[in-house]
């Protein structure tokens, strides 16, 4: 069960990362652009860390949608964070719970920072 849950989290995170990548380079407002860029970098680090520490390969998913603005990214970020939190509540290995909890907190901090500039 743990492997399946982590695989779901990775798939959702990779899809989200690919959809948001273009927003990290926009410069509508420097503050929100930096906040979006930090979220994207944090998410990339999370994906890599899960891959290394849990040993599950990062899925190669086609990018279905690109997010066009920061408000949409913020909402999408919030849904991703809620999704991962719901997965943490499932009966998982303590190592996985600890790892995912750490990354959810990091993502939440960056998403809260983004919210300040919307």
PDB file of N, CA and C in Angstrom:
ATOM      1  N   UNK A   1       0.818  -1.196   0.000  1.00  0.00           N
ATOM      2  CA  UNK A   1       0.000   0.000   0.000  1.00  0.00           C
ATOM      3  C   UNK A   1       0.865   1.265   0.000  1.00  0.00           C
ATOM      4  N   UNK A   2       1.943   1.261   0.761  1.00  0.00           N
ATOM      5  CA  UNK A   2       2.803   2.432   0.841  1.00  0.00           C
ATOM      6  C   UNK A   2       3.355   2.796  -0.534  1.00  0.00           C
ATOM      7  N   UNK A   3       3.817   1.814  -1.276  1.00  0.00           N
ATOM      8  CA  UNK A   3       4.375   2.066  -2.601  1.00  0.00           C
ATOM      9  C   UNK A   3       3.337   2.675  -3.527  1.00  0.00           C
ATOM     10  N   UNK A   4       2.122   2.154  -3.476  1.00  0.00           N
ATOM     11  CA  UNK A   4       1.058   2.682  -4.329  1.00  0.00           C
ATOM     12  C   UNK A   4       0.739   4.129  -3.981  1.00  0.00           C
ATOM     13  N   UNK A   5       0.681   4.448  -2.704  1.00  0.00           N
ATOM     14  CA  UNK A   5       0.377   5.809  -2.265  1.00  0.00           C
ATOM     15  C   UNK A   5       1.485   6.764  -2.691  1.00  0.00           C
ATOM     16  N   UNK A   6       2.722   6.360  -2.487  1.00  0.00           N
ATOM     17  CA  UNK A   6       3.847   7.207  -2.880  1.00  0.00           C
ATOM     18  C   UNK A   6       3.862   7.393  -4.393  1.00  0.00           C
ATOM     19  N   UNK A   7       3.541   6.357  -5.129  1.00  0.00           N
ATOM     20  CA  UNK A   7       3.475   6.463  -6.591  1.00  0.00           C
ATOM     21  C   UNK A   7       2.404   7.473  -7.002  1.00  0.00           C
ATOM     22  N   UNK A   8       1.246   7.446  -6.340  1.00  0.00           N
ATOM     23  CA  UNK A   8       0.183   8.419  -6.617  1.00  0.00           C
ATOM     24  C   UNK A   8       0.658   9.845  -6.336  1.00  0.00           C
ATOM     25  N   UNK A   9       1.325  10.023  -5.207  1.00  0.00           N
ATOM     26  CA  UNK A   9       1.840  11.346  -4.835  1.00  0.00           C
ATOM     27  C   UNK A   9       2.852  11.820  -5.878  1.00  0.00           C
ATOM     28  N   UNK A  10       3.739  10.934  -6.290  1.00  0.00           N
ATOM     29  CA  UNK A  10       4.734  11.306  -7.299  1.00  0.00           C
ATOM     30  C   UNK A  10       4.081  11.688  -8.626  1.00  0.00           C
ATOM     31  N   UNK A  11       3.121  10.895  -9.062  1.00  0.00           N
ATOM     32  CA  UNK A  11       2.454  11.179 -10.330  1.00  0.00           C
ATOM     33  C   UNK A  11       1.755  12.534 -10.298  1.00  0.00           C
ATOM     34  N   UNK A  12       1.040  12.791  -9.204  1.00  0.00           N
ATOM     35  CA  UNK A  12       0.334  14.063  -9.064  1.00  0.00           C
ATOM     36  C   UNK A  12       1.333  15.224  -8.988  1.00  0.00           C
ATOM     37  N   UNK A  13       2.415  15.034  -8.272  1.00  0.00           N
ATOM     38  CA  UNK A  13       3.423  16.084  -8.120  1.00  0.00           C
ATOM     39  C   UNK A  13       4.148  16.372  -9.436  1.00  0.00           C
ATOM     40  N   UNK A  14       4.503  15.345 -10.168  1.00  0.00           N
ATOM     41  CA  UNK A  14       5.183  15.540 -11.452  1.00  0.00           C
ATOM     42  C   UNK A  14       4.269  16.260 -12.429  1.00  0.00           C
ATOM     43  N   UNK A  15       3.010  15.852 -12.471  1.00  0.00           N
ATOM     44  CA  UNK A  15       2.036  16.509 -13.346  1.00  0.00           C
ATOM     45  C   UNK A  15       1.895  17.989 -12.980  1.00  0.00           C
ATOM     46  N   UNK A  16       1.791  18.264 -11.684  1.00  0.00           N
ATOM     47  CA  UNK A  16       1.675  19.645 -11.205  1.00  0.00           C
ATOM     48  C   UNK A  16       2.929  20.436 -11.542  1.00  0.00           C
ATOM     49  N   UNK A  17       4.079  19.861 -11.291  1.00  0.00           N
ATOM     50  CA  UNK A  17       5.354  20.527 -11.576  1.00  0.00           C
ATOM     51  C   UNK A  17       5.453  20.922 -13.044  1.00  0.00           C
ATOM     52  N   UNK A  18       5.112  19.987 -13.923  1.00  0.00           N
ATOM     53  CA  UNK A  18       5.183  20.270 -15.356  1.00  0.00           C
ATOM     54  C   UNK A  18       4.208  21.369 -15.762  1.00  0.00           C
ATOM     55  N   UNK A  19       3.039  21.385 -15.156  1.00  0.00           N
ATOM     56  CA  UNK A  19       2.042  22.397 -15.494  1.00  0.00           C
ATOM     57  C   UNK A  19       2.456  23.790 -15.023  1.00  0.00           C
ATOM     58  N   UNK A  20       3.213  23.866 -13.948  1.00  0.00           N
ATOM     59  CA  UNK A  20       3.584  25.161 -13.353  1.00  0.00           C
ATOM     60  C   UNK A  20       4.933  25.698 -13.811  1.00  0.00           C
ATOM     61  N   UNK A  21       5.736  24.889 -14.446  1.00  0.00           N
ATOM     62  CA  UNK A  21       7.114  25.286 -14.764  1.00  0.00           C
ATOM     63  C   UNK A  21       7.219  26.639 -15.474  1.00  0.00           C
ATOM     64  N   UNK A  22       6.352  26.938 -16.382  1.00  0.00           N
ATOM     65  CA  UNK A  22       6.432  28.185 -17.133  1.00  0.00           C
ATOM     66  C   UNK A  22       6.176  29.424 -16.298  1.00  0.00           C
ATOM     67  N   UNK A  23       5.453  29.282 -15.205  1.00  0.00           N
ATOM     68  CA  UNK A  23       5.138  30.445 -14.381  1.00  0.00           C
ATOM     69  C   UNK A  23       6.312  30.926 -13.544  1.00  0.00           C
ATOM     70  N   UNK A  24       7.269  30.098 -13.329  1.00  0.00           N
ATOM     71  CA  UNK A  24       8.429  30.505 -12.545  1.00  0.00           C
ATOM     72  C   UNK A  24       9.265  31.555 -13.252  1.00  0.00           C
ATOM     73  N   UNK A  25       9.062  31.719 -14.557  1.00  0.00           N
ATOM     74  CA  UNK A  25       9.849  32.667 -15.337  1.00  0.00           C
ATOM     75  C   UNK A  25       9.116  33.964 -15.643  1.00  0.00           C
ATOM     76  N   UNK A  26       7.824  34.021 -15.382  1.00  0.00           N
ATOM     77  CA  UNK A  26       7.076  35.245 -15.657  1.00  0.00           C
ATOM     78  C   UNK A  26       7.491  36.338 -14.690  1.00  0.00           C
ATOM     79  N   UNK A  27       7.384  37.568 -15.119  1.00  0.00           N
ATOM     80  CA  UNK A  27       7.818  38.669 -14.267  1.00  0.00           C
ATOM     81  C   UNK A  27       6.738  39.742 -14.134  1.00  0.00           C
ATOM     82  N   UNK A  28       5.491  39.314 -13.951  1.00  0.00           N
ATOM     83  CA  UNK A  28       4.401  40.278 -13.731  1.00  0.00           C
ATOM     84  C   UNK A  28       4.694  41.111 -12.493  1.00  0.00           C
ATOM     85  N   UNK A  29       5.028  40.458 -11.448  1.00  0.00           N
ATOM     86  CA  UNK A  29       5.413  41.095 -10.193  1.00  0.00           C
ATOM     87  C   UNK A  29       6.597  40.295  -9.685  1.00  0.00           C
ATOM     88  N   UNK A  30       7.666  40.955  -9.382  1.00  0.00           N
ATOM     89  CA  UNK A  30       8.856  40.221  -8.972  1.00  0.00           C
ATOM     90  C   UNK A  30       8.611  39.371  -7.731  1.00  0.00           C
ATOM     91  N   UNK A  31       7.850  39.882  -6.798  1.00  0.00           N
ATOM     92  CA  UNK A  31       7.618  39.128  -5.556  1.00  0.00           C
ATOM     93  C   UNK A  31       6.849  37.845  -5.820  1.00  0.00           C
ATOM     94  N   UNK A  32       5.772  37.927  -6.569  1.00  0.00           N
ATOM     95  CA  UNK A  32       4.979  36.722  -6.820  1.00  0.00           C
ATOM     96  C   UNK A  32       5.740  35.769  -7.735  1.00  0.00           C
ATOM     97  N   UNK A  33       6.506  36.304  -8.644  1.00  0.00           N
ATOM     98  CA  UNK A  33       7.314  35.469  -9.522  1.00  0.00           C
ATOM     99  C   UNK A  33       8.347  34.686  -8.713  1.00  0.00           C
ATOM    100  N   UNK A  34       8.983  35.360  -7.758  1.00  0.00           N
ATOM    101  CA  UNK A  34       9.956  34.665  -6.903  1.00  0.00           C
ATOM    102  C   UNK A  34       9.281  33.608  -6.039  1.00  0.00           C
ATOM    103  N   UNK A  35       8.095  33.938  -5.509  1.00  0.00           N
ATOM    104  CA  UNK A  35       7.359  32.973  -4.675  1.00  0.00           C
ATOM    105  C   UNK A  35       6.964  31.742  -5.506  1.00  0.00           C
ATOM    106  N   UNK A  36       6.487  31.974  -6.718  1.00  0.00           N
ATOM    107  CA  UNK A  36       6.108  30.857  -7.602  1.00  0.00           C
ATOM    108  C   UNK A  36       7.335  30.020  -7.950  1.00  0.00           C
ATOM    109  N   UNK A  37       8.429  30.688  -8.229  1.00  0.00           N
ATOM    110  CA  UNK A  37       9.664  29.988  -8.562  1.00  0.00           C
ATOM    111  C   UNK A  37      10.152  29.133  -7.391  1.00  0.00           C
ATOM    112  N   UNK A  38      10.057  29.671  -6.176  1.00  0.00           N
ATOM    113  CA  UNK A  38      10.459  28.894  -4.988  1.00  0.00           C
ATOM    114  C   UNK A  38       9.566  27.670  -4.802  1.00  0.00           C
ATOM    115  N   UNK A  39       8.253  27.823  -5.042  1.00  0.00           N
ATOM    116  CA  UNK A  39       7.352  26.678  -4.919  1.00  0.00           C
ATOM    117  C   UNK A  39       7.766  25.594  -5.912  1.00  0.00           C
ATOM    118  N   UNK A  40       8.023  26.002  -7.149  1.00  0.00           N
ATOM    119  CA  UNK A  40       8.401  25.042  -8.196  1.00  0.00           C
ATOM    120  C   UNK A  40       9.709  24.347  -7.838  1.00  0.00           C
ATOM    121  N   UNK A  41      10.689  25.099  -7.337  1.00  0.00           N
ATOM    122  CA  UNK A  41      11.972  24.498  -6.943  1.00  0.00           C
ATOM    123  C   UNK A  41      11.796  23.554  -5.757  1.00  0.00           C
ATOM    124  N   UNK A  42      10.953  23.932  -4.823  1.00  0.00           N
ATOM    125  CA  UNK A  42      10.686  23.063  -3.664  1.00  0.00           C
ATOM    126  C   UNK A  42      10.026  21.772  -4.120  1.00  0.00           C
ATOM    127  N   UNK A  43       9.075  21.900  -5.031  1.00  0.00           N
ATOM    128  CA  UNK A  43       8.389  20.710  -5.547  1.00  0.00           C
ATOM    129  C   UNK A  43       9.371  19.798  -6.289  1.00  0.00           C
ATOM    130  N   UNK A  44      10.257  20.372  -7.079  1.00  0.00           N
ATOM    131  CA  UNK A  44      11.262  19.578  -7.795  1.00  0.00           C
ATOM    132  C   UNK A  44      12.153  18.837  -6.805  1.00  0.00           C
ATOM    133  N   UNK A  45      12.559  19.523  -5.746  1.00  0.00           N
ATOM    134  CA  UNK A  45      13.386  18.886  -4.715  1.00  0.00           C
ATOM    135  C   UNK A  45      12.637  17.766  -4.014  1.00  0.00           C
ATOM    136  N   UNK A  46      11.341  17.977  -3.765  1.00  0.00           N
ATOM    137  CA  UNK A  46      10.513  16.954  -3.134  1.00  0.00           C
ATOM    138  C   UNK A  46      10.457  15.705  -4.011  1.00  0.00           C
ATOM    139  N   UNK A  47      10.225  15.891  -5.295  1.00  0.00           N
ATOM    140  CA  UNK A  47      10.131  14.760  -6.222  1.00  0.00           C
ATOM    141  C   UNK A  47      11.443  13.976  -6.221  1.00  0.00           C
ATOM    142  N   UNK A  48      12.546  14.701  -6.301  1.00  0.00           N
ATOM    143  CA  UNK A  48      13.867  14.062  -6.305  1.00  0.00           C
ATOM    144  C   UNK A  48      14.122  13.326  -4.992  1.00  0.00           C
ATOM    145  N   UNK A  49      13.771  13.959  -3.866  1.00  0.00           N
ATOM    146  CA  UNK A  49      13.998  13.372  -2.550  1.00  0.00           C
ATOM    147  C   UNK A  49      13.180  12.092  -2.355  1.00  0.00           C
ATOM    148  N   UNK A  50      11.943  12.114  -2.771  1.00  0.00           N
ATOM    149  CA  UNK A  50      11.105  10.913  -2.665  1.00  0.00           C
ATOM    150  C   UNK A  50      11.701   9.804  -3.522  1.00  0.00           C
ATOM    151  N   UNK A  51      12.141  10.161  -4.707  1.00  0.00           N
ATOM    152  CA  UNK A  51      12.746   9.182  -5.602  1.00  0.00           C
ATOM    153  C   UNK A  51      13.960   8.532  -4.952  1.00  0.00           C
ATOM    154  N   UNK A  52      14.818   9.330  -4.357  1.00  0.00           N
ATOM    155  CA  UNK A  52      16.058   8.814  -3.766  1.00  0.00           C
ATOM    156  C   UNK A  52      15.791   8.044  -2.473  1.00  0.00           C
ATOM    157  N   UNK A  53      15.015   8.621  -1.558  1.00  0.00           N
ATOM    158  CA  UNK A  53      14.840   8.019  -0.229  1.00  0.00           C
ATOM    159  C   UNK A  53      13.876   6.846  -0.200  1.00  0.00           C
ATOM    160  N   UNK A  54      12.870   6.870  -1.053  1.00  0.00           N
ATOM    161  CA  UNK A  54      11.898   5.770  -1.065  1.00  0.00           C
ATOM    162  C   UNK A  54      12.229   4.769  -2.166  1.00  0.00           C
ATOM    163  N   UNK A  55      12.956   5.215  -3.172  1.00  0.00           N
ATOM    164  CA  UNK A  55      13.389   4.311  -4.238  1.00  0.00           C
ATOM    165  C   UNK A  55      12.326   4.050  -5.290  1.00  0.00           C
ATOM    166  N   UNK A  56      11.415   4.980  -5.469  1.00  0.00           N
ATOM    167  CA  UNK A  56      10.387   4.828  -6.491  1.00  0.00           C
ATOM    168  C   UNK A  56      10.752   5.747  -7.643  1.00  0.00           C
ATOM    169  N   UNK A  57      10.771   5.191  -8.827  1.00  0.00           N
ATOM    170  CA  UNK A  57      11.140   5.963 -10.011  1.00  0.00           C
ATOM    171  C   UNK A  57      10.143   7.075 -10.275  1.00  0.00           C
ATOM    172  N   UNK A  58      10.670   8.184 -10.698  1.00  0.00           N
ATOM    173  CA  UNK A  58       9.853   9.345 -11.046  1.00  0.00           C
ATOM    174  C   UNK A  58       9.137   9.042 -12.363  1.00  0.00           C
ATOM    175  N   UNK A  59       7.806   9.133 -12.378  1.00  0.00           N
ATOM    176  CA  UNK A  59       7.070   8.796 -13.601  1.00  0.00           C
ATOM    177  C   UNK A  59       7.322   9.830 -14.702  1.00  0.00           C
ATOM    178  N   UNK A  60       7.355   9.368 -15.926  1.00  0.00           N
ATOM    179  CA  UNK A  60       7.475  10.253 -17.082  1.00  0.00           C
ATOM    180  C   UNK A  60       6.069  10.446 -17.639  1.00  0.00           C
ATOM    181  N   UNK A  61       5.478  11.558 -17.304  1.00  0.00           N
ATOM    182  CA  UNK A  61       4.107  11.834 -17.712  1.00  0.00           C
ATOM    183  C   UNK A  61       4.084  12.931 -18.754  1.00  0.00           C
ATOM    184  N   UNK A  62       3.200  12.801 -19.728  1.00  0.00           N
ATOM    185  CA  UNK A  62       3.058  13.913 -20.673  1.00  0.00           C
ATOM    186  C   UNK A  62       2.409  15.102 -19.965  1.00  0.00           C
ATOM    187  N   UNK A  63       2.843  16.288 -20.305  1.00  0.00           N
ATOM    188  CA  UNK A  63       2.269  17.484 -19.689  1.00  0.00           C
ATOM    189  C   UNK A  63       0.945  17.783 -20.365  1.00  0.00           C
ATOM    190  N   UNK A  64      -0.122  17.657 -19.611  1.00  0.00           N
ATOM    191  CA  UNK A  64      -1.453  17.831 -20.193  1.00  0.00           C
ATOM    192  C   UNK A  64      -1.855  19.295 -20.277  1.00  0.00           C
ATOM    193  N   UNK A  65      -1.669  20.042 -19.212  1.00  0.00           N
ATOM    194  CA  UNK A  65      -2.082  21.439 -19.180  1.00  0.00           C
ATOM    195  C   UNK A  65      -0.951  22.307 -18.652  1.00  0.00           C
ATOM    196  N   UNK A  66      -0.938  23.528 -19.134  1.00  0.00           N
ATOM    197  CA  UNK A  66      -0.022  24.526 -18.586  1.00  0.00           C
ATOM    198  C   UNK A  66      -0.863  25.540 -17.831  1.00  0.00           C
ATOM    199  N   UNK A  67      -0.429  25.870 -16.644  1.00  0.00           N
ATOM    200  CA  UNK A  67      -1.141  26.871 -15.844  1.00  0.00           C
ATOM    201  C   UNK A  67      -0.715  28.244 -16.357  1.00  0.00           C
ATOM    202  N   UNK A  68      -1.696  29.117 -16.538  1.00  0.00           N
ATOM    203  CA  UNK A  68      -1.446  30.393 -17.212  1.00  0.00           C
ATOM    204  C   UNK A  68      -1.245  31.590 -16.288  1.00  0.00           C
ATOM    205  N   UNK A  69      -1.730  31.498 -15.039  1.00  0.00           N
ATOM    206  CA  UNK A  69      -1.591  32.660 -14.150  1.00  0.00           C
ATOM    207  C   UNK A  69      -1.360  32.207 -12.711  1.00  0.00           C
ATOM    208  N   UNK A  70      -0.942  33.155 -11.899  1.00  0.00           N
ATOM    209  CA  UNK A  70      -0.571  32.839 -10.524  1.00  0.00           C
ATOM    210  C   UNK A  70      -1.763  32.460  -9.650  1.00  0.00           C
ATOM    211  N   UNK A  71      -2.919  33.021  -9.917  1.00  0.00           N
ATOM    212  CA  UNK A  71      -4.108  32.649  -9.136  1.00  0.00           C
ATOM    213  C   UNK A  71      -4.457  31.185  -9.351  1.00  0.00           C
ATOM    214  N   UNK A  72      -4.378  30.744 -10.600  1.00  0.00           N
ATOM    215  CA  UNK A  72      -4.638  29.331 -10.901  1.00  0.00           C
ATOM    216  C   UNK A  72      -3.577  28.437 -10.273  1.00  0.00           C
ATOM    217  N   UNK A  73      -2.333  28.894 -10.315  1.00  0.00           N
ATOM    218  CA  UNK A  73      -1.250  28.113  -9.714  1.00  0.00           C
ATOM    219  C   UNK A  73      -1.469  27.972  -8.213  1.00  0.00           C
ATOM    220  N   UNK A  74      -1.848  29.071  -7.561  1.00  0.00           N
ATOM    221  CA  UNK A  74      -2.091  29.028  -6.121  1.00  0.00           C
ATOM    222  C   UNK A  74      -3.181  28.001  -5.787  1.00  0.00           C
ATOM    223  N   UNK A  75      -4.281  28.027  -6.539  1.00  0.00           N
ATOM    224  CA  UNK A  75      -5.378  27.076  -6.298  1.00  0.00           C
ATOM    225  C   UNK A  75      -4.911  25.639  -6.549  1.00  0.00           C
ATOM    226  N   UNK A  76      -4.144  25.449  -7.617  1.00  0.00           N
ATOM    227  CA  UNK A  76      -3.630  24.127  -7.961  1.00  0.00           C
ATOM    228  C   UNK A  76      -2.653  23.648  -6.889  1.00  0.00           C
ATOM    229  N   UNK A  77      -1.814  24.568  -6.389  1.00  0.00           N
ATOM    230  CA  UNK A  77      -0.884  24.231  -5.297  1.00  0.00           C
ATOM    231  C   UNK A  77      -1.656  23.768  -4.062  1.00  0.00           C
ATOM    232  N   UNK A  78      -2.708  24.493  -3.729  1.00  0.00           N
ATOM    233  CA  UNK A  78      -3.521  24.155  -2.548  1.00  0.00           C
ATOM    234  C   UNK A  78      -4.134  22.770  -2.684  1.00  0.00           C
ATOM    235  N   UNK A  79      -4.612  22.450  -3.878  1.00  0.00           N
ATOM    236  CA  UNK A  79      -5.185  21.109  -4.108  1.00  0.00           C
ATOM    237  C   UNK A  79      -4.127  20.022  -3.979  1.00  0.00           C
ATOM    238  N   UNK A  80      -2.929  20.291  -4.500  1.00  0.00           N
ATOM    239  CA  UNK A  80      -1.839  19.317  -4.380  1.00  0.00           C
ATOM    240  C   UNK A  80      -1.485  19.087  -2.910  1.00  0.00           C
ATOM    241  N   UNK A  81      -1.371  20.150  -2.153  1.00  0.00           N
ATOM    242  CA  UNK A  81      -1.043  20.040  -0.724  1.00  0.00           C
ATOM    243  C   UNK A  81      -2.124  19.248   0.007  1.00  0.00           C
ATOM    244  N   UNK A  82      -3.378  19.532  -0.274  1.00  0.00           N
ATOM    245  CA  UNK A  82      -4.484  18.785   0.351  1.00  0.00           C
ATOM    246  C   UNK A  82      -4.447  17.314  -0.035  1.00  0.00           C
ATOM    247  N   UNK A  83      -4.134  17.038  -1.289  1.00  0.00           N
ATOM    248  CA  UNK A  83      -4.032  15.657  -1.760  1.00  0.00           C
ATOM    249  C   UNK A  83      -2.951  14.901  -0.986  1.00  0.00           C
ATOM    250  N   UNK A  84      -1.780  15.516  -0.854  1.00  0.00           N
ATOM    251  CA  UNK A  84      -0.687  14.849  -0.139  1.00  0.00           C
ATOM    252  C   UNK A  84      -1.040  14.666   1.337  1.00  0.00           C
ATOM    253  N   UNK A  85      -1.672  15.666   1.945  1.00  0.00           N
ATOM    254  CA  UNK A  85      -2.104  15.529   3.343  1.00  0.00           C
ATOM    255  C   UNK A  85      -3.071  14.361   3.511  1.00  0.00           C
ATOM    256  N   UNK A  86      -3.985  14.190   2.559  1.00  0.00           N
ATOM    257  CA  UNK A  86      -4.945  13.080   2.649  1.00  0.00           C
ATOM    258  C   UNK A  86      -4.234  11.740   2.525  1.00  0.00           C
ATOM    259  N   UNK A  87      -3.174  11.692   1.729  1.00  0.00           N
ATOM    260  CA  UNK A  87      -2.406  10.450   1.582  1.00  0.00           C
ATOM    261  C   UNK A  87      -1.613  10.142   2.841  1.00  0.00           C
ATOM    262  N   UNK A  88      -1.133  11.185   3.529  1.00  0.00           N
ATOM    263  CA  UNK A  88      -0.382  10.989   4.773  1.00  0.00           C
ATOM    264  C   UNK A  88      -1.264  10.329   5.830  1.00  0.00           C
ATOM    265  N   UNK A  89      -2.564  10.622   5.804  1.00  0.00           N
ATOM    266  CA  UNK A  89      -3.483  10.076   6.804  1.00  0.00           C
ATOM    267  C   UNK A  89      -3.754   8.590   6.608  1.00  0.00           C
ATOM    268  N   UNK A  90      -3.362   8.052   5.474  1.00  0.00           N
ATOM    269  CA  UNK A  90      -3.542   6.624   5.247  1.00  0.00           C
ATOM    270  C   UNK A  90      -2.496   5.858   6.044  1.00  0.00           C
ATOM    271  N   UNK A  91      -2.716   4.607   6.199  1.00  0.00           N
ATOM    272  CA  UNK A  91      -1.843   3.761   7.001  1.00  0.00           C
ATOM    273  C   UNK A  91      -0.532   3.512   6.255  1.00  0.00           C
ATOM    274  N   UNK A  92       0.459   4.382   6.485  1.00  0.00           N
ATOM    275  CA  UNK A  92       1.737   4.303   5.787  1.00  0.00           C
ATOM    276  C   UNK A  92       2.865   4.001   6.750  1.00  0.00           C
ATOM    277  N   UNK A  93       3.984   3.654   6.198  1.00  0.00           N
ATOM    278  CA  UNK A  93       5.217   3.467   6.939  1.00  0.00           C
ATOM    279  C   UNK A  93       5.634   4.803   7.552  1.00  0.00           C
ATOM    280  N   UNK A  94       6.156   4.789   8.754  1.00  0.00           N
ATOM    281  CA  UNK A  94       6.528   6.021   9.458  1.00  0.00           C
ATOM    282  C   UNK A  94       7.572   6.821   8.690  1.00  0.00           C
ATOM    283  N   UNK A  95       8.467   6.153   7.987  1.00  0.00           N
ATOM    284  CA  UNK A  95       9.486   6.822   7.175  1.00  0.00           C
ATOM    285  C   UNK A  95       8.821   7.651   6.060  1.00  0.00           C
ATOM    286  N   UNK A  96       7.803   7.105   5.446  1.00  0.00           N
ATOM    287  CA  UNK A  96       7.084   7.796   4.375  1.00  0.00           C
ATOM    288  C   UNK A  96       6.271   8.962   4.940  1.00  0.00           C
ATOM    289  N   UNK A  97       5.626   8.733   6.071  1.00  0.00           N
ATOM    290  CA  UNK A  97       4.845   9.795   6.716  1.00  0.00           C
ATOM    291  C   UNK A  97       5.751  10.979   7.062  1.00  0.00           C
ATOM    292  N   UNK A  98       6.905  10.685   7.633  1.00  0.00           N
ATOM    293  CA  UNK A  98       7.846  11.739   8.020  1.00  0.00           C
ATOM    294  C   UNK A  98       8.332  12.516   6.796  1.00  0.00           C
ATOM    295  N   UNK A  99       8.705  11.808   5.759  1.00  0.00           N
ATOM    296  CA  UNK A  99       9.198  12.439   4.544  1.00  0.00           C
ATOM    297  C   UNK A  99       8.132  13.320   3.891  1.00  0.00           C
ATOM    298  N   UNK A 100       6.933  12.770   3.726  1.00  0.00           N
ATOM    299  CA  UNK A 100       5.854  13.539   3.092  1.00  0.00           C
ATOM    300  C   UNK A 100       5.429  14.728   3.954  1.00  0.00           C
ATOM    301  N   UNK A 101       5.412  14.545   5.262  1.00  0.00           N
ATOM    302  CA  UNK A 101       5.041  15.645   6.159  1.00  0.00           C
ATOM    303  C   UNK A 101       6.025  16.800   6.044  1.00  0.00           C
ATOM    304  N   UNK A 102       7.292  16.481   5.969  1.00  0.00           N
ATOM    305  CA  UNK A 102       8.318  17.510   5.806  1.00  0.00           C
ATOM    306  C   UNK A 102       8.072  18.309   4.527  1.00  0.00           C
ATOM    307  N   UNK A 103       7.835  17.605   3.427  1.00  0.00           N
ATOM    308  CA  UNK A 103       7.655  18.288   2.147  1.00  0.00           C
ATOM    309  C   UNK A 103       6.335  19.038   2.071  1.00  0.00           C
ATOM    310  N   UNK A 104       5.294  18.521   2.694  1.00  0.00           N
ATOM    311  CA  UNK A 104       4.028  19.260   2.725  1.00  0.00           C
ATOM    312  C   UNK A 104       4.211  20.580   3.453  1.00  0.00           C
ATOM    313  N   UNK A 105       4.938  20.554   4.557  1.00  0.00           N
ATOM    314  CA  UNK A 105       5.192  21.795   5.302  1.00  0.00           C
ATOM    315  C   UNK A 105       5.979  22.787   4.441  1.00  0.00           C
ATOM    316  N   UNK A 106       6.981  22.307   3.726  1.00  0.00           N
ATOM    317  CA  UNK A 106       7.776  23.181   2.866  1.00  0.00           C
ATOM    318  C   UNK A 106       6.923  23.774   1.746  1.00  0.00           C
ATOM    319  N   UNK A 107       6.087  22.944   1.128  1.00  0.00           N
ATOM    320  CA  UNK A 107       5.202  23.435   0.067  1.00  0.00           C
ATOM    321  C   UNK A 107       4.190  24.433   0.613  1.00  0.00           C
ATOM    322  N   UNK A 108       3.670  24.158   1.803  1.00  0.00           N
ATOM    323  CA  UNK A 108       2.679  25.056   2.413  1.00  0.00           C
ATOM    324  C   UNK A 108       3.291  26.431   2.693  1.00  0.00           C
ATOM    325  N   UNK A 109       4.507  26.457   3.172  1.00  0.00           N
ATOM    326  CA  UNK A 109       5.192  27.727   3.437  1.00  0.00           C
ATOM    327  C   UNK A 109       5.311  28.535   2.150  1.00  0.00           C
ATOM    328  N   UNK A 110       5.737  27.894   1.084  1.00  0.00           N
ATOM    329  CA  UNK A 110       5.897  28.611  -0.187  1.00  0.00           C
ATOM    330  C   UNK A 110       4.550  29.039  -0.759  1.00  0.00           C
ATOM    331  N   UNK A 111       3.530  28.219  -0.598  1.00  0.00           N
ATOM    332  CA  UNK A 111       2.204  28.585  -1.107  1.00  0.00           C
ATOM    333  C   UNK A 111       1.616  29.745  -0.300  1.00  0.00           C
ATOM    334  N   UNK A 112       1.832  29.742   0.998  1.00  0.00           N
ATOM    335  CA  UNK A 112       1.373  30.858   1.833  1.00  0.00           C
ATOM    336  C   UNK A 112       2.079  32.156   1.435  1.00  0.00           C
ATOM    337  N   UNK A 113       3.348  32.047   1.106  1.00  0.00           N
ATOM    338  CA  UNK A 113       4.101  33.219   0.657  1.00  0.00           C
ATOM    339  C   UNK A 113       3.522  33.751  -0.667  1.00  0.00           C
ATOM    340  N   UNK A 114       3.153  32.840  -1.533  1.00  0.00           N
ATOM    341  CA  UNK A 114       2.558  33.239  -2.812  1.00  0.00           C
ATOM    342  C   UNK A 114       1.236  33.964  -2.593  1.00  0.00           C
ATOM    343  N   UNK A 115       0.471  33.487  -1.635  1.00  0.00           N
ATOM    344  CA  UNK A 115      -0.851  34.075  -1.344  1.00  0.00           C
ATOM    345  C   UNK A 115      -0.739  35.534  -0.934  1.00  0.00           C
ATOM    346  N   UNK A 116       0.348  35.918  -0.314  1.00  0.00           N
ATOM    347  CA  UNK A 116       0.538  37.308   0.128  1.00  0.00           C
ATOM    348  C   UNK A 116       0.519  38.287  -1.042  1.00  0.00           C
ATOM    349  N   UNK A 117       0.903  37.820  -2.217  1.00  0.00           N
ATOM    350  CA  UNK A 117       1.069  38.731  -3.355  1.00  0.00           C
ATOM    351  C   UNK A 117      -0.023  38.618  -4.401  1.00  0.00           C
ATOM    352  N   UNK A 118      -1.014  37.792  -4.135  1.00  0.00           N
ATOM    353  CA  UNK A 118      -2.144  37.666  -5.090  1.00  0.00           C
ATOM    354  C   UNK A 118      -3.145  38.790  -4.903  1.00  0.00           C
TER     355      UNK A 118
END
